[in-house]
């Protein structure tokens, strides 16, 4: 019997596993620490600007920050305390599943965002802005911020960690996971804020997550 029967030719094309977030491979371009630092700083600044626009219009944000605001409105808990407590399970997920580098950079991004958000109103003020324009611009700025962080193995904590974990391990697109989380928060918001603010907040969330869904593709971005 021919010994080659049943064998796969060495020159036959092989099925390739879909790249996971942050995969290291021989063909990938590895980010340097300096590149990671500038990406985190850029992402934090963009996120702070986006949040400042939404806050100026009294709109809600998605993610754990939005959930912390709802908890604060409903139960009178300090927003910072609520944000920290809600983030604890996501921090544990980051440490246990996403690796040390991801966790450290995520903690750095969260800390910087807190500091920049405190500093920004002292050097930057917003005049009139149309509510629809503000929702779209704010959503895009935060979307760009998250994209920069995701591509350098970092996030702003909360749902971003869960979104990346589910994309890596179960194939769910990060943008869709983030959108589902944000829609749940916005649904809860109807109980604590004016419905007009919820509608515009929903528009901002759709813009943000639509941008992420289209542009955050680990199979297209090979740098790590």
N, C-alpha and C. Protein backbone atom coordinates (compact mmCIF):
# COMPACT_ATOMS: atom_id res chain seq x y z
N UNK A 1 0.86 -1.19 0.00
CA UNK A 1 0.00 0.00 0.00
C UNK A 1 0.89 1.24 0.00
N UNK A 2 0.48 2.22 -0.76
CA UNK A 2 1.25 3.45 -0.84
C UNK A 2 1.25 4.15 0.51
N UNK A 3 2.46 4.41 1.06
CA UNK A 3 2.56 4.99 2.39
C UNK A 3 2.09 6.43 2.44
N UNK A 4 1.96 7.05 1.26
CA UNK A 4 1.54 8.45 1.27
C UNK A 4 0.04 8.61 1.40
N UNK A 5 -0.70 7.45 1.26
CA UNK A 5 -2.15 7.56 1.38
C UNK A 5 -2.53 8.02 2.78
N UNK A 6 -3.46 8.93 2.86
CA UNK A 6 -3.94 9.42 4.15
C UNK A 6 -3.08 10.51 4.75
N UNK A 7 -1.95 10.81 4.10
CA UNK A 7 -1.10 11.88 4.62
C UNK A 7 -1.48 13.22 3.99
N UNK A 8 -1.23 14.28 4.75
CA UNK A 8 -1.46 15.62 4.22
C UNK A 8 -0.18 16.11 3.58
N UNK A 9 -0.20 16.47 2.30
CA UNK A 9 1.01 16.95 1.65
C UNK A 9 1.61 18.13 2.41
N UNK A 10 2.94 18.17 2.43
CA UNK A 10 3.61 19.23 3.18
C UNK A 10 3.35 20.60 2.60
N UNK A 11 3.00 20.66 1.29
CA UNK A 11 2.76 21.95 0.67
C UNK A 11 1.29 22.33 0.67
N UNK A 12 0.44 21.50 1.34
CA UNK A 12 -0.99 21.79 1.36
C UNK A 12 -1.26 22.97 2.29
N UNK A 13 -2.22 23.82 1.92
CA UNK A 13 -2.55 24.96 2.79
C UNK A 13 -3.12 24.50 4.12
N UNK A 14 -2.74 25.16 5.19
CA UNK A 14 -3.21 24.81 6.52
C UNK A 14 -4.21 25.85 7.01
N UNK A 15 -5.19 25.34 7.76
CA UNK A 15 -6.16 26.25 8.36
C UNK A 15 -5.47 27.02 9.47
N UNK A 16 -5.69 28.31 9.47
CA UNK A 16 -5.05 29.15 10.48
C UNK A 16 -6.06 29.54 11.55
N UNK A 17 -5.61 29.46 12.80
CA UNK A 17 -6.47 29.89 13.90
C UNK A 17 -6.68 31.39 13.84
N UNK A 18 -7.90 31.81 14.11
CA UNK A 18 -8.19 33.23 14.13
C UNK A 18 -7.38 33.90 15.23
N UNK A 19 -6.65 34.99 14.90
CA UNK A 19 -5.82 35.64 15.91
C UNK A 19 -6.62 36.11 17.11
N UNK A 20 -6.03 35.97 18.28
CA UNK A 20 -6.64 36.46 19.51
C UNK A 20 -6.04 37.80 19.87
N UNK A 21 -6.76 38.53 20.72
CA UNK A 21 -6.30 39.84 21.14
C UNK A 21 -4.94 39.73 21.80
N UNK A 22 -3.95 40.46 21.24
CA UNK A 22 -2.63 40.48 21.85
C UNK A 22 -1.78 39.27 21.57
N UNK A 23 -2.13 38.45 20.55
CA UNK A 23 -1.29 37.30 20.22
C UNK A 23 0.12 37.76 19.86
N UNK A 24 1.12 36.99 20.33
CA UNK A 24 2.50 37.24 19.94
C UNK A 24 2.88 36.22 18.87
N UNK A 25 3.35 36.69 17.74
CA UNK A 25 3.76 35.79 16.67
C UNK A 25 5.01 36.33 16.01
N UNK A 26 5.63 35.48 15.21
CA UNK A 26 6.88 35.87 14.56
C UNK A 26 6.67 37.00 13.57
N UNK A 27 5.46 37.11 13.00
CA UNK A 27 5.20 38.12 11.99
C UNK A 27 4.64 39.41 12.58
N UNK A 28 4.30 39.40 13.86
CA UNK A 28 3.70 40.59 14.46
C UNK A 28 4.76 41.64 14.77
N UNK A 29 4.35 42.89 14.71
CA UNK A 29 5.22 44.00 15.08
C UNK A 29 4.95 44.31 16.55
N UNK A 30 5.96 44.12 17.39
CA UNK A 30 5.76 44.28 18.82
C UNK A 30 5.85 45.75 19.23
N UNK A 31 4.89 46.20 20.03
CA UNK A 31 4.93 47.56 20.53
C UNK A 31 6.02 47.70 21.58
N UNK A 32 6.71 48.82 21.55
CA UNK A 32 7.71 49.11 22.58
C UNK A 32 7.02 49.74 23.79
N UNK A 33 7.68 49.74 24.96
CA UNK A 33 7.09 50.42 26.12
C UNK A 33 6.74 51.88 25.85
N UNK A 34 7.58 52.57 25.08
CA UNK A 34 7.29 53.97 24.76
C UNK A 34 6.03 54.09 23.92
N UNK A 35 5.84 53.17 22.98
CA UNK A 35 4.62 53.18 22.16
C UNK A 35 3.39 52.88 23.00
N UNK A 36 3.52 51.94 23.93
CA UNK A 36 2.40 51.65 24.83
C UNK A 36 2.05 52.88 25.67
N UNK A 37 3.08 53.57 26.16
CA UNK A 37 2.85 54.74 27.00
C UNK A 37 2.12 55.84 26.25
N UNK A 38 2.54 56.11 25.00
CA UNK A 38 1.88 57.17 24.25
C UNK A 38 0.46 56.78 23.89
N UNK A 39 0.22 55.49 23.64
CA UNK A 39 -1.14 55.03 23.33
C UNK A 39 -2.06 55.19 24.54
N UNK A 40 -1.55 54.84 25.72
CA UNK A 40 -2.35 54.98 26.94
C UNK A 40 -2.65 56.45 27.21
N UNK A 41 -1.64 57.31 27.07
CA UNK A 41 -1.84 58.74 27.31
C UNK A 41 -2.83 59.32 26.30
N UNK A 42 -2.66 58.97 25.02
CA UNK A 42 -3.58 59.46 23.99
C UNK A 42 -5.00 58.97 24.25
N UNK A 43 -5.13 57.68 24.56
CA UNK A 43 -6.45 57.13 24.82
C UNK A 43 -7.13 57.80 26.01
N UNK A 44 -6.36 58.04 27.06
CA UNK A 44 -6.91 58.68 28.26
C UNK A 44 -7.38 60.10 27.95
N UNK A 45 -6.57 60.86 27.21
CA UNK A 45 -6.95 62.24 26.86
C UNK A 45 -8.21 62.28 26.01
N UNK A 46 -8.29 61.38 25.01
CA UNK A 46 -9.49 61.34 24.17
C UNK A 46 -10.72 60.94 24.98
N UNK A 47 -10.55 59.96 25.86
CA UNK A 47 -11.68 59.53 26.69
C UNK A 47 -12.13 60.65 27.61
N UNK A 48 -11.18 61.38 28.19
CA UNK A 48 -11.53 62.48 29.09
C UNK A 48 -12.29 63.58 28.34
N UNK A 49 -11.88 63.87 27.11
CA UNK A 49 -12.58 64.87 26.31
C UNK A 49 -14.00 64.41 25.98
N UNK A 50 -14.13 63.15 25.59
CA UNK A 50 -15.45 62.62 25.29
C UNK A 50 -16.37 62.64 26.49
N UNK A 51 -15.84 62.24 27.64
CA UNK A 51 -16.64 62.24 28.87
C UNK A 51 -17.01 63.66 29.29
N UNK A 52 -16.10 64.62 29.06
CA UNK A 52 -16.39 66.02 29.41
C UNK A 52 -17.55 66.55 28.58
N UNK A 53 -17.60 66.19 27.30
CA UNK A 53 -18.70 66.63 26.44
C UNK A 53 -20.01 66.03 26.91
N UNK A 54 -20.01 64.73 27.18
CA UNK A 54 -21.24 64.07 27.63
C UNK A 54 -21.69 64.61 28.99
N UNK A 55 -20.74 64.85 29.89
CA UNK A 55 -21.09 65.37 31.21
C UNK A 55 -21.65 66.78 31.10
N UNK A 56 -21.08 67.59 30.20
CA UNK A 56 -21.57 68.96 30.00
C UNK A 56 -23.04 68.96 29.58
N UNK A 57 -23.43 67.96 28.80
CA UNK A 57 -24.81 67.86 28.32
C UNK A 57 -25.69 67.07 29.28
N UNK A 58 -25.12 66.61 30.39
CA UNK A 58 -25.86 65.82 31.37
C UNK A 58 -26.33 64.48 30.80
N UNK A 59 -25.54 63.92 29.89
CA UNK A 59 -25.85 62.61 29.34
C UNK A 59 -25.15 61.55 30.17
N UNK A 60 -25.58 60.32 30.00
CA UNK A 60 -24.95 59.19 30.67
C UNK A 60 -23.83 58.63 29.81
N UNK A 61 -22.97 57.88 30.42
CA UNK A 61 -21.95 57.14 29.69
C UNK A 61 -22.23 55.66 29.83
N UNK A 62 -21.60 54.88 28.99
CA UNK A 62 -21.75 53.44 29.10
C UNK A 62 -20.72 52.86 30.05
N UNK A 63 -20.66 51.55 30.09
CA UNK A 63 -19.68 50.87 30.91
C UNK A 63 -19.94 51.01 32.39
N UNK A 64 -18.91 50.69 33.16
CA UNK A 64 -19.03 50.72 34.61
C UNK A 64 -19.24 52.15 35.12
N UNK A 65 -18.68 53.14 34.43
CA UNK A 65 -18.89 54.53 34.85
C UNK A 65 -20.37 54.89 34.83
N UNK A 66 -21.06 54.48 33.77
CA UNK A 66 -22.49 54.74 33.69
C UNK A 66 -23.27 53.99 34.76
N UNK A 67 -22.87 52.76 35.02
CA UNK A 67 -23.53 51.97 36.07
C UNK A 67 -23.29 52.59 37.44
N UNK A 68 -22.09 53.09 37.67
CA UNK A 68 -21.78 53.74 38.94
C UNK A 68 -22.64 54.99 39.14
N UNK A 69 -22.87 55.74 38.06
CA UNK A 69 -23.73 56.92 38.16
C UNK A 69 -25.16 56.53 38.53
N UNK A 70 -25.65 55.47 37.91
CA UNK A 70 -27.01 55.02 38.21
C UNK A 70 -27.13 54.59 39.66
N UNK A 71 -26.14 53.82 40.15
CA UNK A 71 -26.15 53.38 41.54
C UNK A 71 -26.10 54.59 42.48
N UNK A 72 -25.30 55.59 42.10
CA UNK A 72 -25.20 56.79 42.91
C UNK A 72 -26.53 57.54 42.96
N UNK A 73 -27.18 57.68 41.80
CA UNK A 73 -28.47 58.38 41.76
C UNK A 73 -29.53 57.62 42.56
N UNK A 74 -29.53 56.31 42.45
CA UNK A 74 -30.60 55.51 43.05
C UNK A 74 -30.43 55.32 44.55
N UNK A 75 -29.18 55.19 45.01
CA UNK A 75 -28.96 54.83 46.42
C UNK A 75 -28.16 55.87 47.21
N UNK A 76 -27.74 56.94 46.55
CA UNK A 76 -27.00 57.98 47.25
C UNK A 76 -25.58 57.62 47.60
N UNK A 77 -25.03 56.60 46.93
CA UNK A 77 -23.64 56.19 47.17
C UNK A 77 -22.70 57.09 46.38
N UNK A 78 -21.56 57.41 46.97
CA UNK A 78 -20.55 58.19 46.26
C UNK A 78 -20.16 57.51 44.95
N UNK A 79 -20.06 58.29 43.88
CA UNK A 79 -19.78 57.71 42.56
C UNK A 79 -18.44 56.98 42.54
N UNK A 80 -17.41 57.59 43.16
CA UNK A 80 -16.11 56.94 43.18
C UNK A 80 -16.13 55.61 43.91
N UNK A 81 -16.85 55.57 45.02
CA UNK A 81 -16.97 54.31 45.76
C UNK A 81 -17.70 53.26 44.94
N UNK A 82 -18.80 53.66 44.30
CA UNK A 82 -19.56 52.73 43.47
C UNK A 82 -18.71 52.22 42.31
N UNK A 83 -17.95 53.12 41.67
CA UNK A 83 -17.11 52.73 40.54
C UNK A 83 -16.07 51.70 40.98
N UNK A 84 -15.44 51.93 42.13
CA UNK A 84 -14.42 50.99 42.62
C UNK A 84 -15.02 49.63 42.93
N UNK A 85 -16.15 49.61 43.65
CA UNK A 85 -16.75 48.34 44.06
C UNK A 85 -17.25 47.54 42.85
N UNK A 86 -17.86 48.21 41.89
CA UNK A 86 -18.37 47.51 40.71
C UNK A 86 -17.23 46.95 39.88
N UNK A 87 -16.09 47.61 39.89
CA UNK A 87 -14.96 47.18 39.07
C UNK A 87 -14.21 46.00 39.66
N UNK A 88 -14.41 45.68 40.94
CA UNK A 88 -13.62 44.62 41.58
C UNK A 88 -13.69 43.29 40.82
N UNK A 89 -14.88 42.79 40.43
CA UNK A 89 -14.90 41.52 39.69
C UNK A 89 -14.14 41.59 38.37
N UNK A 90 -14.17 42.75 37.72
CA UNK A 90 -13.47 42.90 36.45
C UNK A 90 -11.96 42.95 36.67
N UNK A 91 -11.52 43.56 37.77
CA UNK A 91 -10.10 43.55 38.10
C UNK A 91 -9.61 42.11 38.32
N UNK A 92 -10.40 41.32 39.04
CA UNK A 92 -10.03 39.92 39.28
C UNK A 92 -9.97 39.14 37.98
N UNK A 93 -10.91 39.43 37.06
CA UNK A 93 -10.90 38.78 35.76
C UNK A 93 -9.64 39.15 34.99
N UNK A 94 -9.26 40.41 35.06
CA UNK A 94 -8.06 40.87 34.35
C UNK A 94 -6.82 40.18 34.89
N UNK A 95 -6.70 40.08 36.21
CA UNK A 95 -5.53 39.45 36.81
C UNK A 95 -5.47 37.97 36.47
N UNK A 96 -6.62 37.29 36.55
CA UNK A 96 -6.63 35.85 36.36
C UNK A 96 -6.62 35.40 34.92
N UNK A 97 -7.16 36.21 34.01
CA UNK A 97 -7.35 35.75 32.63
C UNK A 97 -6.60 36.55 31.58
N UNK A 98 -6.34 37.82 31.84
CA UNK A 98 -5.79 38.68 30.80
C UNK A 98 -4.29 38.92 30.93
N UNK A 99 -3.69 38.49 32.02
CA UNK A 99 -2.25 38.60 32.15
C UNK A 99 -1.79 39.84 32.91
N UNK A 100 -0.55 39.77 33.36
CA UNK A 100 0.00 40.84 34.20
C UNK A 100 0.15 42.15 33.43
N UNK A 101 0.67 42.07 32.20
CA UNK A 101 0.91 43.30 31.43
C UNK A 101 -0.40 44.04 31.16
N UNK A 102 -1.43 43.29 30.75
CA UNK A 102 -2.73 43.90 30.48
C UNK A 102 -3.28 44.57 31.74
N UNK A 103 -3.18 43.88 32.87
CA UNK A 103 -3.73 44.40 34.12
C UNK A 103 -3.00 45.67 34.55
N UNK A 104 -1.68 45.68 34.47
CA UNK A 104 -0.90 46.86 34.87
C UNK A 104 -1.25 48.06 34.00
N UNK A 105 -1.30 47.85 32.68
CA UNK A 105 -1.61 48.97 31.78
C UNK A 105 -3.04 49.46 31.97
N UNK A 106 -3.95 48.54 32.26
CA UNK A 106 -5.34 48.94 32.51
C UNK A 106 -5.45 49.77 33.78
N UNK A 107 -4.78 49.33 34.85
CA UNK A 107 -4.77 50.11 36.09
C UNK A 107 -4.19 51.51 35.85
N UNK A 108 -3.12 51.56 35.05
CA UNK A 108 -2.49 52.86 34.75
C UNK A 108 -3.46 53.76 34.00
N UNK A 109 -4.18 53.20 33.03
CA UNK A 109 -5.14 53.99 32.25
C UNK A 109 -6.27 54.51 33.13
N UNK A 110 -6.78 53.66 34.02
CA UNK A 110 -7.88 54.07 34.91
C UNK A 110 -7.42 55.19 35.84
N UNK A 111 -6.22 55.05 36.40
CA UNK A 111 -5.70 56.08 37.30
C UNK A 111 -5.49 57.40 36.58
N UNK A 112 -4.90 57.34 35.38
CA UNK A 112 -4.68 58.56 34.61
C UNK A 112 -5.98 59.23 34.22
N UNK A 113 -6.98 58.43 33.85
CA UNK A 113 -8.27 59.01 33.47
C UNK A 113 -8.90 59.74 34.65
N UNK A 114 -8.78 59.18 35.84
CA UNK A 114 -9.31 59.84 37.03
C UNK A 114 -8.62 61.19 37.25
N UNK A 115 -7.29 61.21 37.10
CA UNK A 115 -6.53 62.44 37.31
C UNK A 115 -6.84 63.48 36.23
N UNK A 116 -6.87 63.04 34.97
CA UNK A 116 -7.13 63.97 33.87
C UNK A 116 -8.55 64.52 33.94
N UNK A 117 -9.51 63.68 34.32
CA UNK A 117 -10.89 64.13 34.44
C UNK A 117 -11.04 65.19 35.53
N UNK A 118 -10.21 65.10 36.57
CA UNK A 118 -10.21 66.12 37.62
C UNK A 118 -9.54 67.40 37.14
N UNK A 119 -8.47 67.28 36.36
CA UNK A 119 -7.67 68.42 35.91
C UNK A 119 -8.30 69.16 34.74
N UNK A 120 -8.96 68.45 33.84
CA UNK A 120 -9.44 69.03 32.59
C UNK A 120 -10.37 70.22 32.77
N UNK A 121 -11.37 70.17 33.67
CA UNK A 121 -12.26 71.32 33.81
C UNK A 121 -11.56 72.61 34.24
N UNK A 122 -10.36 72.49 34.81
CA UNK A 122 -9.62 73.67 35.24
C UNK A 122 -8.93 74.39 34.09
N UNK A 123 -8.75 73.70 32.96
CA UNK A 123 -8.03 74.29 31.83
C UNK A 123 -8.85 74.25 30.54
N UNK A 124 -10.06 73.71 30.61
CA UNK A 124 -10.85 73.50 29.39
C UNK A 124 -12.32 73.66 29.73
N UNK A 125 -13.01 74.50 28.97
CA UNK A 125 -14.45 74.69 29.19
C UNK A 125 -15.19 74.54 27.87
N UNK A 126 -16.43 74.10 27.97
CA UNK A 126 -17.26 73.87 26.79
C UNK A 126 -18.40 74.87 26.79
N UNK A 127 -18.60 75.55 25.66
CA UNK A 127 -19.72 76.46 25.52
C UNK A 127 -20.94 75.72 25.04
N UNK A 128 -21.63 76.30 24.07
CA UNK A 128 -22.83 75.64 23.56
C UNK A 128 -22.44 74.51 22.62
N UNK A 129 -23.13 73.40 22.72
CA UNK A 129 -22.97 72.30 21.78
C UNK A 129 -24.33 71.63 21.59
N UNK A 130 -24.69 71.42 20.34
CA UNK A 130 -25.97 70.77 20.05
C UNK A 130 -25.99 69.37 20.67
N UNK A 131 -27.11 68.97 21.29
CA UNK A 131 -27.15 67.66 21.95
C UNK A 131 -26.81 66.49 21.03
N UNK A 132 -27.34 66.50 19.80
CA UNK A 132 -27.05 65.40 18.88
C UNK A 132 -25.57 65.40 18.50
N UNK A 133 -25.03 66.58 18.19
CA UNK A 133 -23.61 66.67 17.85
C UNK A 133 -22.75 66.23 19.03
N UNK A 134 -23.14 66.63 20.23
CA UNK A 134 -22.38 66.24 21.41
C UNK A 134 -22.38 64.75 21.63
N UNK A 135 -23.54 64.11 21.42
CA UNK A 135 -23.63 62.66 21.59
C UNK A 135 -22.73 61.94 20.59
N UNK A 136 -22.75 62.39 19.34
CA UNK A 136 -21.95 61.75 18.29
C UNK A 136 -20.45 61.99 18.52
N UNK A 137 -20.07 63.24 18.77
CA UNK A 137 -18.66 63.56 18.97
C UNK A 137 -18.12 62.88 20.23
N UNK A 138 -18.89 62.93 21.31
CA UNK A 138 -18.46 62.28 22.54
C UNK A 138 -18.29 60.78 22.35
N UNK A 139 -19.24 60.15 21.66
CA UNK A 139 -19.15 58.72 21.41
C UNK A 139 -17.94 58.36 20.57
N UNK A 140 -17.67 59.16 19.53
CA UNK A 140 -16.52 58.89 18.67
C UNK A 140 -15.20 59.07 19.43
N UNK A 141 -15.10 60.11 20.23
CA UNK A 141 -13.86 60.33 20.99
C UNK A 141 -13.57 59.17 21.93
N UNK A 142 -14.59 58.70 22.62
CA UNK A 142 -14.39 57.57 23.53
C UNK A 142 -14.10 56.30 22.74
N UNK A 143 -14.73 56.15 21.57
CA UNK A 143 -14.45 55.00 20.71
C UNK A 143 -13.00 54.98 20.25
N UNK A 144 -12.49 56.13 19.80
CA UNK A 144 -11.09 56.23 19.41
C UNK A 144 -10.18 55.91 20.60
N UNK A 145 -10.56 56.39 21.78
CA UNK A 145 -9.77 56.14 22.99
C UNK A 145 -9.67 54.65 23.29
N UNK A 146 -10.81 53.97 23.26
CA UNK A 146 -10.81 52.54 23.56
C UNK A 146 -10.05 51.75 22.50
N UNK A 147 -10.17 52.17 21.24
CA UNK A 147 -9.44 51.47 20.17
C UNK A 147 -7.93 51.57 20.40
N UNK A 148 -7.46 52.76 20.74
CA UNK A 148 -6.03 52.94 21.01
C UNK A 148 -5.58 52.06 22.17
N UNK A 149 -6.39 51.99 23.22
CA UNK A 149 -6.03 51.18 24.38
C UNK A 149 -6.09 49.69 24.06
N UNK A 150 -7.14 49.25 23.38
CA UNK A 150 -7.29 47.83 23.04
C UNK A 150 -6.11 47.34 22.20
N UNK A 151 -5.64 48.17 21.27
CA UNK A 151 -4.55 47.75 20.38
C UNK A 151 -3.21 47.70 21.09
N UNK A 152 -3.16 48.21 22.29
CA UNK A 152 -1.93 48.14 23.09
C UNK A 152 -2.16 47.35 24.37
N UNK A 153 -3.09 46.39 24.30
CA UNK A 153 -3.37 45.50 25.43
C UNK A 153 -3.66 46.26 26.71
N UNK A 154 -4.66 47.13 26.64
CA UNK A 154 -5.11 47.87 27.82
C UNK A 154 -6.58 48.18 27.62
N UNK A 155 -7.22 48.66 28.68
CA UNK A 155 -8.62 49.08 28.59
C UNK A 155 -8.88 50.08 29.70
N UNK A 156 -10.11 50.53 29.79
CA UNK A 156 -10.51 51.41 30.90
C UNK A 156 -11.27 50.63 31.95
N UNK A 157 -11.01 49.34 32.03
CA UNK A 157 -11.62 48.51 33.06
C UNK A 157 -13.04 48.14 32.72
N UNK A 158 -13.71 47.53 33.70
CA UNK A 158 -15.13 47.23 33.56
C UNK A 158 -15.47 46.36 32.38
N UNK A 159 -16.48 46.79 31.62
CA UNK A 159 -16.98 45.99 30.51
C UNK A 159 -15.93 45.79 29.43
N UNK A 160 -14.96 46.71 29.33
CA UNK A 160 -13.92 46.54 28.33
C UNK A 160 -13.12 45.27 28.57
N UNK A 161 -12.83 44.95 29.82
CA UNK A 161 -12.11 43.72 30.15
C UNK A 161 -12.95 42.51 29.77
N UNK A 162 -14.23 42.54 30.14
CA UNK A 162 -15.11 41.42 29.80
C UNK A 162 -15.25 41.26 28.30
N UNK A 163 -15.35 42.38 27.57
CA UNK A 163 -15.51 42.33 26.12
C UNK A 163 -14.31 41.67 25.45
N UNK A 164 -13.11 42.04 25.89
CA UNK A 164 -11.90 41.46 25.30
C UNK A 164 -11.78 39.98 25.66
N UNK A 165 -12.12 39.63 26.91
CA UNK A 165 -12.05 38.23 27.34
C UNK A 165 -13.01 37.36 26.52
N UNK A 166 -14.24 37.81 26.32
CA UNK A 166 -15.21 37.03 25.55
C UNK A 166 -14.81 36.94 24.09
N UNK A 167 -14.20 37.99 23.55
CA UNK A 167 -13.76 37.94 22.16
C UNK A 167 -12.63 36.94 21.99
N UNK A 168 -11.69 36.95 22.92
CA UNK A 168 -10.55 36.05 22.84
C UNK A 168 -10.95 34.59 23.00
N UNK A 169 -11.85 34.30 23.92
CA UNK A 169 -12.13 32.92 24.30
C UNK A 169 -13.38 32.32 23.67
N UNK A 170 -14.32 33.16 23.25
CA UNK A 170 -15.57 32.63 22.71
C UNK A 170 -15.95 33.22 21.36
N UNK A 171 -15.14 34.12 20.83
CA UNK A 171 -15.38 34.65 19.50
C UNK A 171 -16.40 35.77 19.40
N UNK A 172 -16.92 36.25 20.54
CA UNK A 172 -17.85 37.37 20.50
C UNK A 172 -17.09 38.65 20.17
N UNK A 173 -17.63 39.46 19.25
CA UNK A 173 -16.98 40.72 18.90
C UNK A 173 -17.05 41.67 20.08
N UNK A 174 -15.91 42.30 20.39
CA UNK A 174 -15.82 43.18 21.55
C UNK A 174 -16.84 44.32 21.49
N UNK A 175 -17.04 44.86 20.29
CA UNK A 175 -18.00 45.95 20.15
C UNK A 175 -19.41 45.55 20.50
N UNK A 176 -19.81 44.32 20.11
CA UNK A 176 -21.16 43.84 20.42
C UNK A 176 -21.34 43.62 21.92
N UNK A 177 -20.31 43.07 22.56
CA UNK A 177 -20.38 42.85 24.01
C UNK A 177 -20.52 44.18 24.74
N UNK A 178 -19.69 45.15 24.35
CA UNK A 178 -19.75 46.47 24.97
C UNK A 178 -21.12 47.10 24.74
N UNK A 179 -21.66 46.95 23.54
CA UNK A 179 -22.97 47.52 23.23
C UNK A 179 -24.06 46.90 24.09
N UNK A 180 -24.04 45.58 24.27
CA UNK A 180 -25.04 44.91 25.10
C UNK A 180 -24.98 45.42 26.54
N UNK A 181 -23.77 45.60 27.05
CA UNK A 181 -23.59 46.12 28.41
C UNK A 181 -24.14 47.54 28.52
N UNK A 182 -23.81 48.37 27.52
CA UNK A 182 -24.25 49.76 27.55
C UNK A 182 -25.77 49.88 27.41
N UNK A 183 -26.37 49.06 26.56
CA UNK A 183 -27.82 49.10 26.39
C UNK A 183 -28.54 48.71 27.69
N UNK A 184 -27.97 47.76 28.42
CA UNK A 184 -28.55 47.38 29.71
C UNK A 184 -28.51 48.55 30.69
N UNK A 185 -27.38 49.25 30.71
CA UNK A 185 -27.24 50.41 31.59
C UNK A 185 -28.23 51.51 31.21
N UNK A 186 -28.36 51.76 29.90
CA UNK A 186 -29.26 52.81 29.45
C UNK A 186 -30.71 52.45 29.74
N UNK A 187 -31.05 51.17 29.69
CA UNK A 187 -32.41 50.75 30.04
C UNK A 187 -32.68 51.04 31.52
N UNK A 188 -31.69 50.77 32.37
CA UNK A 188 -31.85 51.07 33.80
C UNK A 188 -31.92 52.57 34.06
N UNK A 189 -31.29 53.35 33.17
CA UNK A 189 -31.24 54.79 33.37
C UNK A 189 -32.61 55.45 33.29
N UNK A 190 -33.56 54.82 32.60
CA UNK A 190 -34.90 55.38 32.51
C UNK A 190 -35.54 55.58 33.89
N UNK A 191 -35.05 54.82 34.88
CA UNK A 191 -35.62 54.92 36.23
C UNK A 191 -35.04 56.08 37.04
N UNK A 192 -33.94 56.69 36.56
CA UNK A 192 -33.28 57.69 37.39
C UNK A 192 -33.04 59.03 36.69
N UNK A 193 -33.10 59.09 35.35
CA UNK A 193 -32.86 60.35 34.65
C UNK A 193 -33.95 60.60 33.62
N UNK A 194 -33.97 61.82 33.08
CA UNK A 194 -34.94 62.22 32.08
C UNK A 194 -34.78 61.39 30.80
N UNK A 195 -35.89 61.05 30.18
CA UNK A 195 -35.82 60.16 29.01
C UNK A 195 -35.12 60.81 27.82
N UNK A 196 -35.17 62.16 27.72
CA UNK A 196 -34.45 62.82 26.63
C UNK A 196 -32.95 62.56 26.74
N UNK A 197 -32.42 62.63 27.95
CA UNK A 197 -31.00 62.36 28.16
C UNK A 197 -30.66 60.92 27.82
N UNK A 198 -31.57 60.01 28.12
CA UNK A 198 -31.33 58.60 27.81
C UNK A 198 -31.28 58.38 26.30
N UNK A 199 -32.17 59.03 25.56
CA UNK A 199 -32.19 58.87 24.10
C UNK A 199 -30.88 59.34 23.48
N UNK A 200 -30.43 60.52 23.87
CA UNK A 200 -29.16 61.02 23.32
C UNK A 200 -27.98 60.19 23.81
N UNK A 201 -28.05 59.69 25.03
CA UNK A 201 -27.00 58.79 25.52
C UNK A 201 -26.97 57.51 24.71
N UNK A 202 -28.13 57.02 24.31
CA UNK A 202 -28.21 55.82 23.48
C UNK A 202 -27.55 56.06 22.13
N UNK A 203 -27.78 57.24 21.55
CA UNK A 203 -27.14 57.57 20.28
C UNK A 203 -25.62 57.56 20.43
N UNK A 204 -25.13 58.16 21.51
CA UNK A 204 -23.69 58.16 21.75
C UNK A 204 -23.14 56.76 21.91
N UNK A 205 -23.88 55.89 22.61
CA UNK A 205 -23.44 54.51 22.80
C UNK A 205 -23.41 53.74 21.48
N UNK A 206 -24.40 53.98 20.61
CA UNK A 206 -24.43 53.31 19.31
C UNK A 206 -23.25 53.75 18.45
N UNK A 207 -22.95 55.04 18.47
CA UNK A 207 -21.80 55.55 17.71
C UNK A 207 -20.51 54.94 18.23
N UNK A 208 -20.33 54.95 19.53
CA UNK A 208 -19.11 54.41 20.15
C UNK A 208 -18.91 52.94 19.80
N UNK A 209 -19.94 52.14 20.04
CA UNK A 209 -19.78 50.70 19.86
C UNK A 209 -19.80 50.29 18.40
N UNK A 210 -20.50 51.05 17.55
CA UNK A 210 -20.42 50.79 16.12
C UNK A 210 -19.01 51.02 15.60
N UNK A 211 -18.37 52.08 16.08
CA UNK A 211 -16.99 52.37 15.69
C UNK A 211 -16.07 51.24 16.13
N UNK A 212 -16.24 50.76 17.37
CA UNK A 212 -15.39 49.67 17.86
C UNK A 212 -15.63 48.38 17.09
N UNK A 213 -16.88 48.07 16.80
CA UNK A 213 -17.20 46.83 16.10
C UNK A 213 -16.55 46.79 14.73
N UNK A 214 -16.54 47.92 14.04
CA UNK A 214 -15.96 47.97 12.70
C UNK A 214 -14.44 47.97 12.74
N UNK A 215 -13.86 48.68 13.68
CA UNK A 215 -12.42 48.92 13.65
C UNK A 215 -11.59 48.04 14.56
N UNK A 216 -12.19 47.44 15.60
CA UNK A 216 -11.40 46.58 16.49
C UNK A 216 -11.47 45.15 15.98
N UNK A 217 -10.56 44.81 15.06
CA UNK A 217 -10.52 43.48 14.45
C UNK A 217 -9.13 42.90 14.66
N UNK A 218 -8.95 41.99 15.62
CA UNK A 218 -7.63 41.42 15.88
C UNK A 218 -7.08 40.62 14.71
N UNK A 219 -7.96 40.17 13.78
CA UNK A 219 -7.47 39.44 12.62
C UNK A 219 -6.92 40.37 11.55
N UNK A 220 -7.11 41.68 11.72
CA UNK A 220 -6.60 42.65 10.76
C UNK A 220 -5.44 43.46 11.31
N UNK A 221 -5.34 43.55 12.62
CA UNK A 221 -4.29 44.34 13.24
C UNK A 221 -3.29 43.39 13.86
N UNK A 222 -2.08 43.32 13.29
CA UNK A 222 -1.14 42.27 13.68
C UNK A 222 -0.10 42.74 14.69
N UNK A 223 -0.07 44.02 14.99
CA UNK A 223 0.90 44.49 15.99
C UNK A 223 0.45 44.06 17.38
N UNK A 224 1.42 43.85 18.28
CA UNK A 224 1.10 43.40 19.63
C UNK A 224 1.84 44.24 20.66
